[in-house]
Amino acid sequence: MAKSHDRGIQLKKGESVDRALKRLKTKLDTEGIIEEMRRRRAFETPIERKRRKARTAIKRNRVRWRYISEATEKKIEERKAAAAAAAHSSQDDPS
């Protein structure tokens, strides 16, 4: 009986082994298994880990902020304006 966590593929009738391997690699790549395997192959220093996490965070945030609603856009502009006003007022105050 196949388990739900099996990560295999079924060879289709008439399908070449090369094509089946390509499907398997694609499946493993989309699940992030290949990347994790490469990462675990060698020791990763804390600095390297921090850099890797920063790179992935940039990618994640790009996707997250690709589509911004108008309401969110207004809030962002208001925050920028408030920050600019606060910075301007602190420059004018000589105390």
PDB file of N, CA and C in Angstrom:
ATOM      1  N   MET A   1       0.840  -1.172   0.000  1.00  0.00           N
ATOM      2  CA  MET A   1       0.000   0.000   0.000  1.00  0.00           C
ATOM      3  C   MET A   1       0.892   1.245   0.000  1.00  0.00           C
ATOM      4  N   ALA A   2       0.593   2.184  -0.887  1.00  0.00           N
ATOM      5  CA  ALA A   2       1.403   3.393  -1.004  1.00  0.00           C
ATOM      6  C   ALA A   2       1.057   4.360   0.121  1.00  0.00           C
ATOM      7  N   LYS A   3       2.084   4.977   0.669  1.00  0.00           N
ATOM      8  CA  LYS A   3       1.884   5.951   1.734  1.00  0.00           C
ATOM      9  C   LYS A   3       1.788   7.333   1.123  1.00  0.00           C
ATOM     10  N   SER A   4       1.164   8.250   1.849  1.00  0.00           N
ATOM     11  CA  SER A   4       0.969   9.596   1.321  1.00  0.00           C
ATOM     12  C   SER A   4       2.278  10.367   1.213  1.00  0.00           C
ATOM     13  N   HIS A   5       3.313   9.965   1.956  1.00  0.00           N
ATOM     14  CA  HIS A   5       4.575  10.705   1.910  1.00  0.00           C
ATOM     15  C   HIS A   5       5.572  10.105   0.915  1.00  0.00           C
ATOM     16  N   ASP A   6       5.157   9.131   0.113  1.00  0.00           N
ATOM     17  CA  ASP A   6       6.035   8.589  -0.915  1.00  0.00           C
ATOM     18  C   ASP A   6       6.277   9.654  -1.977  1.00  0.00           C
ATOM     19  N   ARG A   7       7.522   9.792  -2.372  1.00  0.00           N
ATOM     20  CA  ARG A   7       7.855  10.809  -3.366  1.00  0.00           C
ATOM     21  C   ARG A   7       8.346  10.144  -4.635  1.00  0.00           C
ATOM     22  N   GLY A   8       7.576   9.281  -5.164  1.00  0.00           N
ATOM     23  CA  GLY A   8       7.959   8.591  -6.372  1.00  0.00           C
ATOM     24  C   GLY A   8       7.025   8.933  -7.507  1.00  0.00           C
ATOM     25  N   ILE A   9       7.312   8.351  -8.636  1.00  0.00           N
ATOM     26  CA  ILE A   9       6.444   8.516  -9.796  1.00  0.00           C
ATOM     27  C   ILE A   9       6.177   7.139 -10.379  1.00  0.00           C
ATOM     28  N   GLN A  10       5.094   7.015 -11.073  1.00  0.00           N
ATOM     29  CA  GLN A  10       4.765   5.777 -11.748  1.00  0.00           C
ATOM     30  C   GLN A  10       5.199   5.898 -13.207  1.00  0.00           C
ATOM     31  N   LEU A  11       5.892   4.902 -13.704  1.00  0.00           N
ATOM     32  CA  LEU A  11       6.331   4.901 -15.090  1.00  0.00           C
ATOM     33  C   LEU A  11       5.114   4.679 -15.974  1.00  0.00           C
ATOM     34  N   LYS A  12       4.860   5.616 -16.863  1.00  0.00           N
ATOM     35  CA  LYS A  12       3.700   5.511 -17.750  1.00  0.00           C
ATOM     36  C   LYS A  12       3.997   4.522 -18.872  1.00  0.00           C
ATOM     37  N   LYS A  13       2.961   3.967 -19.438  1.00  0.00           N
ATOM     38  CA  LYS A  13       3.128   2.986 -20.497  1.00  0.00           C
ATOM     39  C   LYS A  13       3.765   3.650 -21.715  1.00  0.00           C
ATOM     40  N   GLY A  14       4.869   3.079 -22.177  1.00  0.00           N
ATOM     41  CA  GLY A  14       5.563   3.598 -23.350  1.00  0.00           C
ATOM     42  C   GLY A  14       6.468   4.786 -23.060  1.00  0.00           C
ATOM     43  N   GLU A  15       6.599   5.171 -21.790  1.00  0.00           N
ATOM     44  CA  GLU A  15       7.424   6.328 -21.439  1.00  0.00           C
ATOM     45  C   GLU A  15       8.877   5.889 -21.265  1.00  0.00           C
ATOM     46  N   SER A  16       9.804   6.696 -21.778  1.00  0.00           N
ATOM     47  CA  SER A  16      11.214   6.361 -21.627  1.00  0.00           C
ATOM     48  C   SER A  16      11.670   6.645 -20.200  1.00  0.00           C
ATOM     49  N   VAL A  17      12.725   5.967 -19.809  1.00  0.00           N
ATOM     50  CA  VAL A  17      13.266   6.138 -18.464  1.00  0.00           C
ATOM     51  C   VAL A  17      13.794   7.561 -18.290  1.00  0.00           C
ATOM     52  N   ASP A  18      14.400   8.121 -19.325  1.00  0.00           N
ATOM     53  CA  ASP A  18      14.924   9.484 -19.245  1.00  0.00           C
ATOM     54  C   ASP A  18      13.805  10.484 -18.948  1.00  0.00           C
ATOM     55  N   ARG A  19      12.667  10.302 -19.617  1.00  0.00           N
ATOM     56  CA  ARG A  19      11.535  11.204 -19.418  1.00  0.00           C
ATOM     57  C   ARG A  19      10.986  11.055 -17.993  1.00  0.00           C
ATOM     58  N   ALA A  20      10.936   9.832 -17.497  1.00  0.00           N
ATOM     59  CA  ALA A  20      10.448   9.582 -16.139  1.00  0.00           C
ATOM     60  C   ALA A  20      11.393  10.208 -15.114  1.00  0.00           C
ATOM     61  N   LEU A  21      12.702  10.112 -15.356  1.00  0.00           N
ATOM     62  CA  LEU A  21      13.669  10.738 -14.452  1.00  0.00           C
ATOM     63  C   LEU A  21      13.509  12.255 -14.439  1.00  0.00           C
ATOM     64  N   LYS A  22      13.240  12.814 -15.606  1.00  0.00           N
ATOM     65  CA  LYS A  22      13.033  14.258 -15.691  1.00  0.00           C
ATOM     66  C   LYS A  22      11.793  14.662 -14.886  1.00  0.00           C
ATOM     67  N   ARG A  23      10.719  13.869 -14.978  1.00  0.00           N
ATOM     68  CA  ARG A  23       9.518  14.160 -14.190  1.00  0.00           C
ATOM     69  C   ARG A  23       9.806  14.069 -12.699  1.00  0.00           C
ATOM     70  N   LEU A  24      10.591  13.062 -12.300  1.00  0.00           N
ATOM     71  CA  LEU A  24      10.942  12.894 -10.897  1.00  0.00           C
ATOM     72  C   LEU A  24      11.774  14.077 -10.396  1.00  0.00           C
ATOM     73  N   LYS A  25      12.788  14.489 -11.180  1.00  0.00           N
ATOM     74  CA  LYS A  25      13.623  15.618 -10.786  1.00  0.00           C
ATOM     75  C   LYS A  25      12.790  16.887 -10.662  1.00  0.00           C
ATOM     76  N   THR A  26      11.859  17.090 -11.586  1.00  0.00           N
ATOM     77  CA  THR A  26      11.003  18.276 -11.539  1.00  0.00           C
ATOM     78  C   THR A  26      10.153  18.261 -10.273  1.00  0.00           C
ATOM     79  N   LYS A  27       9.600  17.104  -9.956  1.00  0.00           N
ATOM     80  CA  LYS A  27       8.766  16.979  -8.762  1.00  0.00           C
ATOM     81  C   LYS A  27       9.577  17.251  -7.500  1.00  0.00           C
ATOM     82  N   LEU A  28      10.761  16.677  -7.420  1.00  0.00           N
ATOM     83  CA  LEU A  28      11.605  16.883  -6.251  1.00  0.00           C
ATOM     84  C   LEU A  28      12.062  18.338  -6.145  1.00  0.00           C
ATOM     85  N   ASP A  29      12.312  18.957  -7.289  1.00  0.00           N
ATOM     86  CA  ASP A  29      12.755  20.345  -7.296  1.00  0.00           C
ATOM     87  C   ASP A  29      11.644  21.273  -6.819  1.00  0.00           C
ATOM     88  N   THR A  30      10.407  21.044  -7.256  1.00  0.00           N
ATOM     89  CA  THR A  30       9.307  21.907  -6.827  1.00  0.00           C
ATOM     90  C   THR A  30       9.033  21.756  -5.337  1.00  0.00           C
ATOM     91  N   GLU A  31       9.302  20.587  -4.787  1.00  0.00           N
ATOM     92  CA  GLU A  31       9.106  20.373  -3.356  1.00  0.00           C
ATOM     93  C   GLU A  31      10.288  20.878  -2.538  1.00  0.00           C
ATOM     94  N   GLY A  32      11.376  21.264  -3.195  1.00  0.00           N
ATOM     95  CA  GLY A  32      12.535  21.812  -2.504  1.00  0.00           C
ATOM     96  C   GLY A  32      13.459  20.758  -1.917  1.00  0.00           C
ATOM     97  N   ILE A  33      13.275  19.518  -2.295  1.00  0.00           N
ATOM     98  CA  ILE A  33      14.070  18.432  -1.722  1.00  0.00           C
ATOM     99  C   ILE A  33      15.506  18.474  -2.244  1.00  0.00           C
ATOM    100  N   ILE A  34      15.669  18.733  -3.522  1.00  0.00           N
ATOM    101  CA  ILE A  34      17.014  18.747  -4.115  1.00  0.00           C
ATOM    102  C   ILE A  34      17.847  19.871  -3.496  1.00  0.00           C
ATOM    103  N   GLU A  35      17.243  21.046  -3.346  1.00  0.00           N
ATOM    104  CA  GLU A  35      17.956  22.181  -2.759  1.00  0.00           C
ATOM    105  C   GLU A  35      18.358  21.873  -1.319  1.00  0.00           C
ATOM    106  N   GLU A  36      17.459  21.270  -0.561  1.00  0.00           N
ATOM    107  CA  GLU A  36      17.774  20.931   0.828  1.00  0.00           C
ATOM    108  C   GLU A  36      18.882  19.886   0.897  1.00  0.00           C
ATOM    109  N   MET A  37      18.842  18.917  -0.020  1.00  0.00           N
ATOM    110  CA  MET A  37      19.867  17.878  -0.053  1.00  0.00           C
ATOM    111  C   MET A  37      21.241  18.502  -0.331  1.00  0.00           C
ATOM    112  N   ARG A  38      21.304  19.422  -1.283  1.00  0.00           N
ATOM    113  CA  ARG A  38      22.567  20.089  -1.598  1.00  0.00           C
ATOM    114  C   ARG A  38      23.049  20.911  -0.415  1.00  0.00           C
ATOM    115  N   ARG A  39      22.117  21.560   0.266  1.00  0.00           N
ATOM    116  CA  ARG A  39      22.461  22.402   1.409  1.00  0.00           C
ATOM    117  C   ARG A  39      23.011  21.563   2.558  1.00  0.00           C
ATOM    118  N   ARG A  40      22.451  20.388   2.775  1.00  0.00           N
ATOM    119  CA  ARG A  40      22.875  19.543   3.890  1.00  0.00           C
ATOM    120  C   ARG A  40      24.132  18.738   3.577  1.00  0.00           C
ATOM    121  N   ARG A  41      24.561  18.758   2.338  1.00  0.00           N
ATOM    122  CA  ARG A  41      25.729  17.965   1.936  1.00  0.00           C
ATOM    123  C   ARG A  41      26.990  18.402   2.680  1.00  0.00           C
ATOM    124  N   ALA A  42      27.122  19.702   2.933  1.00  0.00           N
ATOM    125  CA  ALA A  42      28.313  20.223   3.606  1.00  0.00           C
ATOM    126  C   ALA A  42      27.880  21.113   4.764  1.00  0.00           C
ATOM    127  N   PHE A  43      28.791  21.318   5.705  1.00  0.00           N
ATOM    128  CA  PHE A  43      28.491  22.160   6.851  1.00  0.00           C
ATOM    129  C   PHE A  43      28.287  23.604   6.408  1.00  0.00           C
ATOM    130  N   GLU A  44      27.291  24.240   7.007  1.00  0.00           N
ATOM    131  CA  GLU A  44      26.973  25.623   6.685  1.00  0.00           C
ATOM    132  C   GLU A  44      27.251  26.475   7.919  1.00  0.00           C
ATOM    133  N   THR A  45      28.123  27.449   7.768  1.00  0.00           N
ATOM    134  CA  THR A  45      28.445  28.313   8.903  1.00  0.00           C
ATOM    135  C   THR A  45      27.254  29.222   9.211  1.00  0.00           C
ATOM    136  N   PRO A  46      27.196  29.756  10.409  1.00  0.00           N
ATOM    137  CA  PRO A  46      26.082  30.656  10.756  1.00  0.00           C
ATOM    138  C   PRO A  46      25.996  31.873   9.837  1.00  0.00           C
ATOM    139  N   ILE A  47      27.134  32.377   9.381  1.00  0.00           N
ATOM    140  CA  ILE A  47      27.133  33.525   8.462  1.00  0.00           C
ATOM    141  C   ILE A  47      26.522  33.126   7.122  1.00  0.00           C
ATOM    142  N   GLU A  48      26.911  31.951   6.609  1.00  0.00           N
ATOM    143  CA  GLU A  48      26.352  31.472   5.339  1.00  0.00           C
ATOM    144  C   GLU A  48      24.847  31.252   5.462  1.00  0.00           C
ATOM    145  N   ARG A  49      24.434  30.737   6.608  1.00  0.00           N
ATOM    146  CA  ARG A  49      23.007  30.486   6.823  1.00  0.00           C
ATOM    147  C   ARG A  49      22.241  31.803   6.818  1.00  0.00           C
ATOM    148  N   LYS A  50      22.802  32.827   7.474  1.00  0.00           N
ATOM    149  CA  LYS A  50      22.160  34.135   7.518  1.00  0.00           C
ATOM    150  C   LYS A  50      22.042  34.727   6.108  1.00  0.00           C
ATOM    151  N   ARG A  51      23.124  34.595   5.319  1.00  0.00           N
ATOM    152  CA  ARG A  51      23.096  35.111   3.942  1.00  0.00           C
ATOM    153  C   ARG A  51      22.059  34.391   3.101  1.00  0.00           C
ATOM    154  N   ARG A  52      21.989  33.049   3.242  1.00  0.00           N
ATOM    155  CA  ARG A  52      21.022  32.268   2.470  1.00  0.00           C
ATOM    156  C   ARG A  52      19.599  32.665   2.844  1.00  0.00           C
ATOM    157  N   LYS A  53      19.339  32.815   4.126  1.00  0.00           N
ATOM    158  CA  LYS A  53      18.007  33.193   4.565  1.00  0.00           C
ATOM    159  C   LYS A  53      17.644  34.595   4.082  1.00  0.00           C
ATOM    160  N   ALA A  54      18.612  35.504   4.041  1.00  0.00           N
ATOM    161  CA  ALA A  54      18.356  36.856   3.547  1.00  0.00           C
ATOM    162  C   ALA A  54      18.005  36.818   2.063  1.00  0.00           C
ATOM    163  N   ARG A  55      18.730  35.978   1.293  1.00  0.00           N
ATOM    164  CA  ARG A  55      18.421  35.852  -0.141  1.00  0.00           C
ATOM    165  C   ARG A  55      17.014  35.318  -0.363  1.00  0.00           C
ATOM    166  N   THR A  56      16.638  34.285   0.377  1.00  0.00           N
ATOM    167  CA  THR A  56      15.301  33.713   0.185  1.00  0.00           C
ATOM    168  C   THR A  56      14.225  34.686   0.654  1.00  0.00           C
ATOM    169  N   ALA A  57      14.518  35.484   1.689  1.00  0.00           N
ATOM    170  CA  ALA A  57      13.541  36.465   2.163  1.00  0.00           C
ATOM    171  C   ALA A  57      13.273  37.515   1.086  1.00  0.00           C
ATOM    172  N   ILE A  58      14.312  37.907   0.375  1.00  0.00           N
ATOM    173  CA  ILE A  58      14.138  38.881  -0.710  1.00  0.00           C
ATOM    174  C   ILE A  58      13.203  38.309  -1.766  1.00  0.00           C
ATOM    175  N   LYS A  59      13.433  37.064  -2.154  1.00  0.00           N
ATOM    176  CA  LYS A  59      12.570  36.430  -3.161  1.00  0.00           C
ATOM    177  C   LYS A  59      11.134  36.329  -2.665  1.00  0.00           C
ATOM    178  N   ARG A  60      10.980  35.928  -1.401  1.00  0.00           N
ATOM    179  CA  ARG A  60       9.647  35.760  -0.829  1.00  0.00           C
ATOM    180  C   ARG A  60       8.901  37.089  -0.797  1.00  0.00           C
ATOM    181  N   ASN A  61       9.583  38.151  -0.403  1.00  0.00           N
ATOM    182  CA  ASN A  61       8.937  39.453  -0.317  1.00  0.00           C
ATOM    183  C   ASN A  61       8.612  40.024  -1.686  1.00  0.00           C
ATOM    184  N   ARG A  62       9.429  39.704  -2.685  1.00  0.00           N
ATOM    185  CA  ARG A  62       9.110  40.152  -4.042  1.00  0.00           C
ATOM    186  C   ARG A  62       7.770  39.601  -4.479  1.00  0.00           C
ATOM    187  N   VAL A  63       7.554  38.331  -4.231  1.00  0.00           N
ATOM    188  CA  VAL A  63       6.292  37.709  -4.609  1.00  0.00           C
ATOM    189  C   VAL A  63       5.159  38.263  -3.760  1.00  0.00           C
ATOM    190  N   ARG A  64       5.399  38.445  -2.471  1.00  0.00           N
ATOM    191  CA  ARG A  64       4.356  38.918  -1.563  1.00  0.00           C
ATOM    192  C   ARG A  64       3.873  40.309  -1.926  1.00  0.00           C
ATOM    193  N   TRP A  65       4.801  41.184  -2.289  1.00  0.00           N
ATOM    194  CA  TRP A  65       4.429  42.577  -2.546  1.00  0.00           C
ATOM    195  C   TRP A  65       4.222  42.890  -4.020  1.00  0.00           C
ATOM    196  N   ARG A  66       4.148  41.860  -4.854  1.00  0.00           N
ATOM    197  CA  ARG A  66       3.943  42.090  -6.280  1.00  0.00           C
ATOM    198  C   ARG A  66       2.596  42.749  -6.533  1.00  0.00           C
ATOM    199  N   TYR A  67       1.592  42.282  -5.841  1.00  0.00           N
ATOM    200  CA  TYR A  67       0.241  42.797  -6.028  1.00  0.00           C
ATOM    201  C   TYR A  67      -0.191  43.471  -4.731  1.00  0.00           C
ATOM    202  N   ILE A  68      -0.185  44.797  -4.740  1.00  0.00           N
ATOM    203  CA  ILE A  68      -0.557  45.563  -3.556  1.00  0.00           C
ATOM    204  C   ILE A  68      -1.905  46.216  -3.822  1.00  0.00           C
ATOM    205  N   SER A  69      -2.819  46.061  -2.879  1.00  0.00           N
ATOM    206  CA  SER A  69      -4.128  46.682  -3.034  1.00  0.00           C
ATOM    207  C   SER A  69      -3.999  48.192  -2.877  1.00  0.00           C
ATOM    208  N   GLU A  70      -5.017  48.908  -3.341  1.00  0.00           N
ATOM    209  CA  GLU A  70      -4.979  50.368  -3.258  1.00  0.00           C
ATOM    210  C   GLU A  70      -4.978  50.829  -1.804  1.00  0.00           C
ATOM    211  N   ALA A  71      -5.718  50.134  -0.940  1.00  0.00           N
ATOM    212  CA  ALA A  71      -5.773  50.507   0.476  1.00  0.00           C
ATOM    213  C   ALA A  71      -4.394  50.360   1.121  1.00  0.00           C
ATOM    214  N   THR A  72      -3.718  49.260   0.810  1.00  0.00           N
ATOM    215  CA  THR A  72      -2.379  49.042   1.355  1.00  0.00           C
ATOM    216  C   THR A  72      -1.417  50.084   0.821  1.00  0.00           C
ATOM    217  N   GLU A  73      -1.567  50.419  -0.453  1.00  0.00           N
ATOM    218  CA  GLU A  73      -0.698  51.432  -1.057  1.00  0.00           C
ATOM    219  C   GLU A  73      -0.877  52.789  -0.372  1.00  0.00           C
ATOM    220  N   LYS A  74      -2.132  53.139  -0.034  1.00  0.00           N
ATOM    221  CA  LYS A  74      -2.404  54.397   0.671  1.00  0.00           C
ATOM    222  C   LYS A  74      -1.748  54.401   2.043  1.00  0.00           C
ATOM    223  N   LYS A  75      -1.857  53.269   2.765  1.00  0.00           N
ATOM    224  CA  LYS A  75      -1.254  53.175   4.097  1.00  0.00           C
ATOM    225  C   LYS A  75       0.253  53.362   4.014  1.00  0.00           C
ATOM    226  N   ILE A  76       0.870  52.753   3.007  1.00  0.00           N
ATOM    227  CA  ILE A  76       2.320  52.883   2.840  1.00  0.00           C
ATOM    228  C   ILE A  76       2.703  54.334   2.592  1.00  0.00           C
ATOM    229  N   GLU A  77       1.947  55.009   1.723  1.00  0.00           N
ATOM    230  CA  GLU A  77       2.229  56.421   1.424  1.00  0.00           C
ATOM    231  C   GLU A  77       2.044  57.292   2.664  1.00  0.00           C
ATOM    232  N   GLU A  78       0.983  57.001   3.468  1.00  0.00           N
ATOM    233  CA  GLU A  78       0.749  57.772   4.689  1.00  0.00           C
ATOM    234  C   GLU A  78       1.898  57.584   5.678  1.00  0.00           C
ATOM    235  N   ARG A  79       2.376  56.358   5.805  1.00  0.00           N
ATOM    236  CA  ARG A  79       3.494  56.090   6.716  1.00  0.00           C
ATOM    237  C   ARG A  79       4.756  56.822   6.262  1.00  0.00           C
ATOM    238  N   LYS A  80       4.999  56.820   4.952  1.00  0.00           N
ATOM    239  CA  LYS A  80       6.169  57.522   4.427  1.00  0.00           C
ATOM    240  C   LYS A  80       6.064  59.013   4.698  1.00  0.00           C
ATOM    241  N   ALA A  81       4.860  59.578   4.483  1.00  0.00           N
ATOM    242  CA  ALA A  81       4.649  61.005   4.705  1.00  0.00           C
ATOM    243  C   ALA A  81       4.828  61.358   6.182  1.00  0.00           C
ATOM    244  N   ALA A  82       4.308  60.499   7.071  1.00  0.00           N
ATOM    245  CA  ALA A  82       4.441  60.745   8.508  1.00  0.00           C
ATOM    246  C   ALA A  82       5.908  60.669   8.932  1.00  0.00           C
ATOM    247  N   ALA A  83       6.634  59.713   8.391  1.00  0.00           N
ATOM    248  CA  ALA A  83       8.055  59.577   8.725  1.00  0.00           C
ATOM    249  C   ALA A  83       8.837  60.778   8.218  1.00  0.00           C
ATOM    250  N   ALA A  84       8.494  61.253   7.026  1.00  0.00           N
ATOM    251  CA  ALA A  84       9.186  62.419   6.468  1.00  0.00           C
ATOM    252  C   ALA A  84       8.882  63.662   7.295  1.00  0.00           C
ATOM    253  N   ALA A  85       7.632  63.795   7.741  1.00  0.00           N
ATOM    254  CA  ALA A  85       7.250  64.944   8.556  1.00  0.00           C
ATOM    255  C   ALA A  85       7.965  64.906   9.892  1.00  0.00           C
ATOM    256  N   ALA A  86       8.069  63.715  10.479  1.00  0.00           N
ATOM    257  CA  ALA A  86       8.749  63.577  11.763  1.00  0.00           C
ATOM    258  C   ALA A  86      10.232  63.908  11.614  1.00  0.00           C
ATOM    259  N   ALA A  87      10.829  63.463  10.530  1.00  0.00           N
ATOM    260  CA  ALA A  87      12.255  63.746  10.300  1.00  0.00           C
ATOM    261  C   ALA A  87      12.461  65.246  10.059  1.00  0.00           C
ATOM    262  N   HIS A  88      11.528  65.854   9.340  1.00  0.00           N
ATOM    263  CA  HIS A  88      11.631  67.285   9.048  1.00  0.00           C
ATOM    264  C   HIS A  88      11.472  68.113  10.319  1.00  0.00           C
ATOM    265  N   SER A  89      10.526  67.714  11.175  1.00  0.00           N
ATOM    266  CA  SER A  89      10.297  68.473  12.397  1.00  0.00           C
ATOM    267  C   SER A  89      11.457  68.319  13.375  1.00  0.00           C
ATOM    268  N   SER A  90      12.104  67.165  13.385  1.00  0.00           N
ATOM    269  CA  SER A  90      13.257  66.979  14.282  1.00  0.00           C
ATOM    270  C   SER A  90      14.476  67.782  13.801  1.00  0.00           C
ATOM    271  N   GLN A  91      14.543  68.062  12.505  1.00  0.00           N
ATOM    272  CA  GLN A  91      15.635  68.880  11.983  1.00  0.00           C
ATOM    273  C   GLN A  91      15.419  70.356  12.311  1.00  0.00           C
ATOM    274  N   ASP A  92      14.138  70.790  12.317  1.00  0.00           N
ATOM    275  CA  ASP A  92      13.817  72.188  12.601  1.00  0.00           C
ATOM    276  C   ASP A  92      13.974  72.516  14.080  1.00  0.00           C
ATOM    277  N   ASP A  93      13.780  71.547  14.961  1.00  0.00           N
ATOM    278  CA  ASP A  93      13.837  71.780  16.405  1.00  0.00           C
ATOM    279  C   ASP A  93      15.307  71.802  16.861  1.00  0.00           C
ATOM    280  N   PRO A  94      15.851  72.964  17.250  1.00  0.00           N
ATOM    281  CA  PRO A  94      17.274  73.043  17.615  1.00  0.00           C
ATOM    282  C   PRO A  94      17.572  72.595  19.046  1.00  0.00           C
ATOM    283  N   SER A  95      16.622  72.077  19.795  1.00  0.00           N
ATOM    284  CA  SER A  95      16.876  71.688  21.182  1.00  0.00           C
ATOM    285  C   SER A  95      17.567  70.398  21.282  1.00  0.00           C
TER     286      SER A  95
END
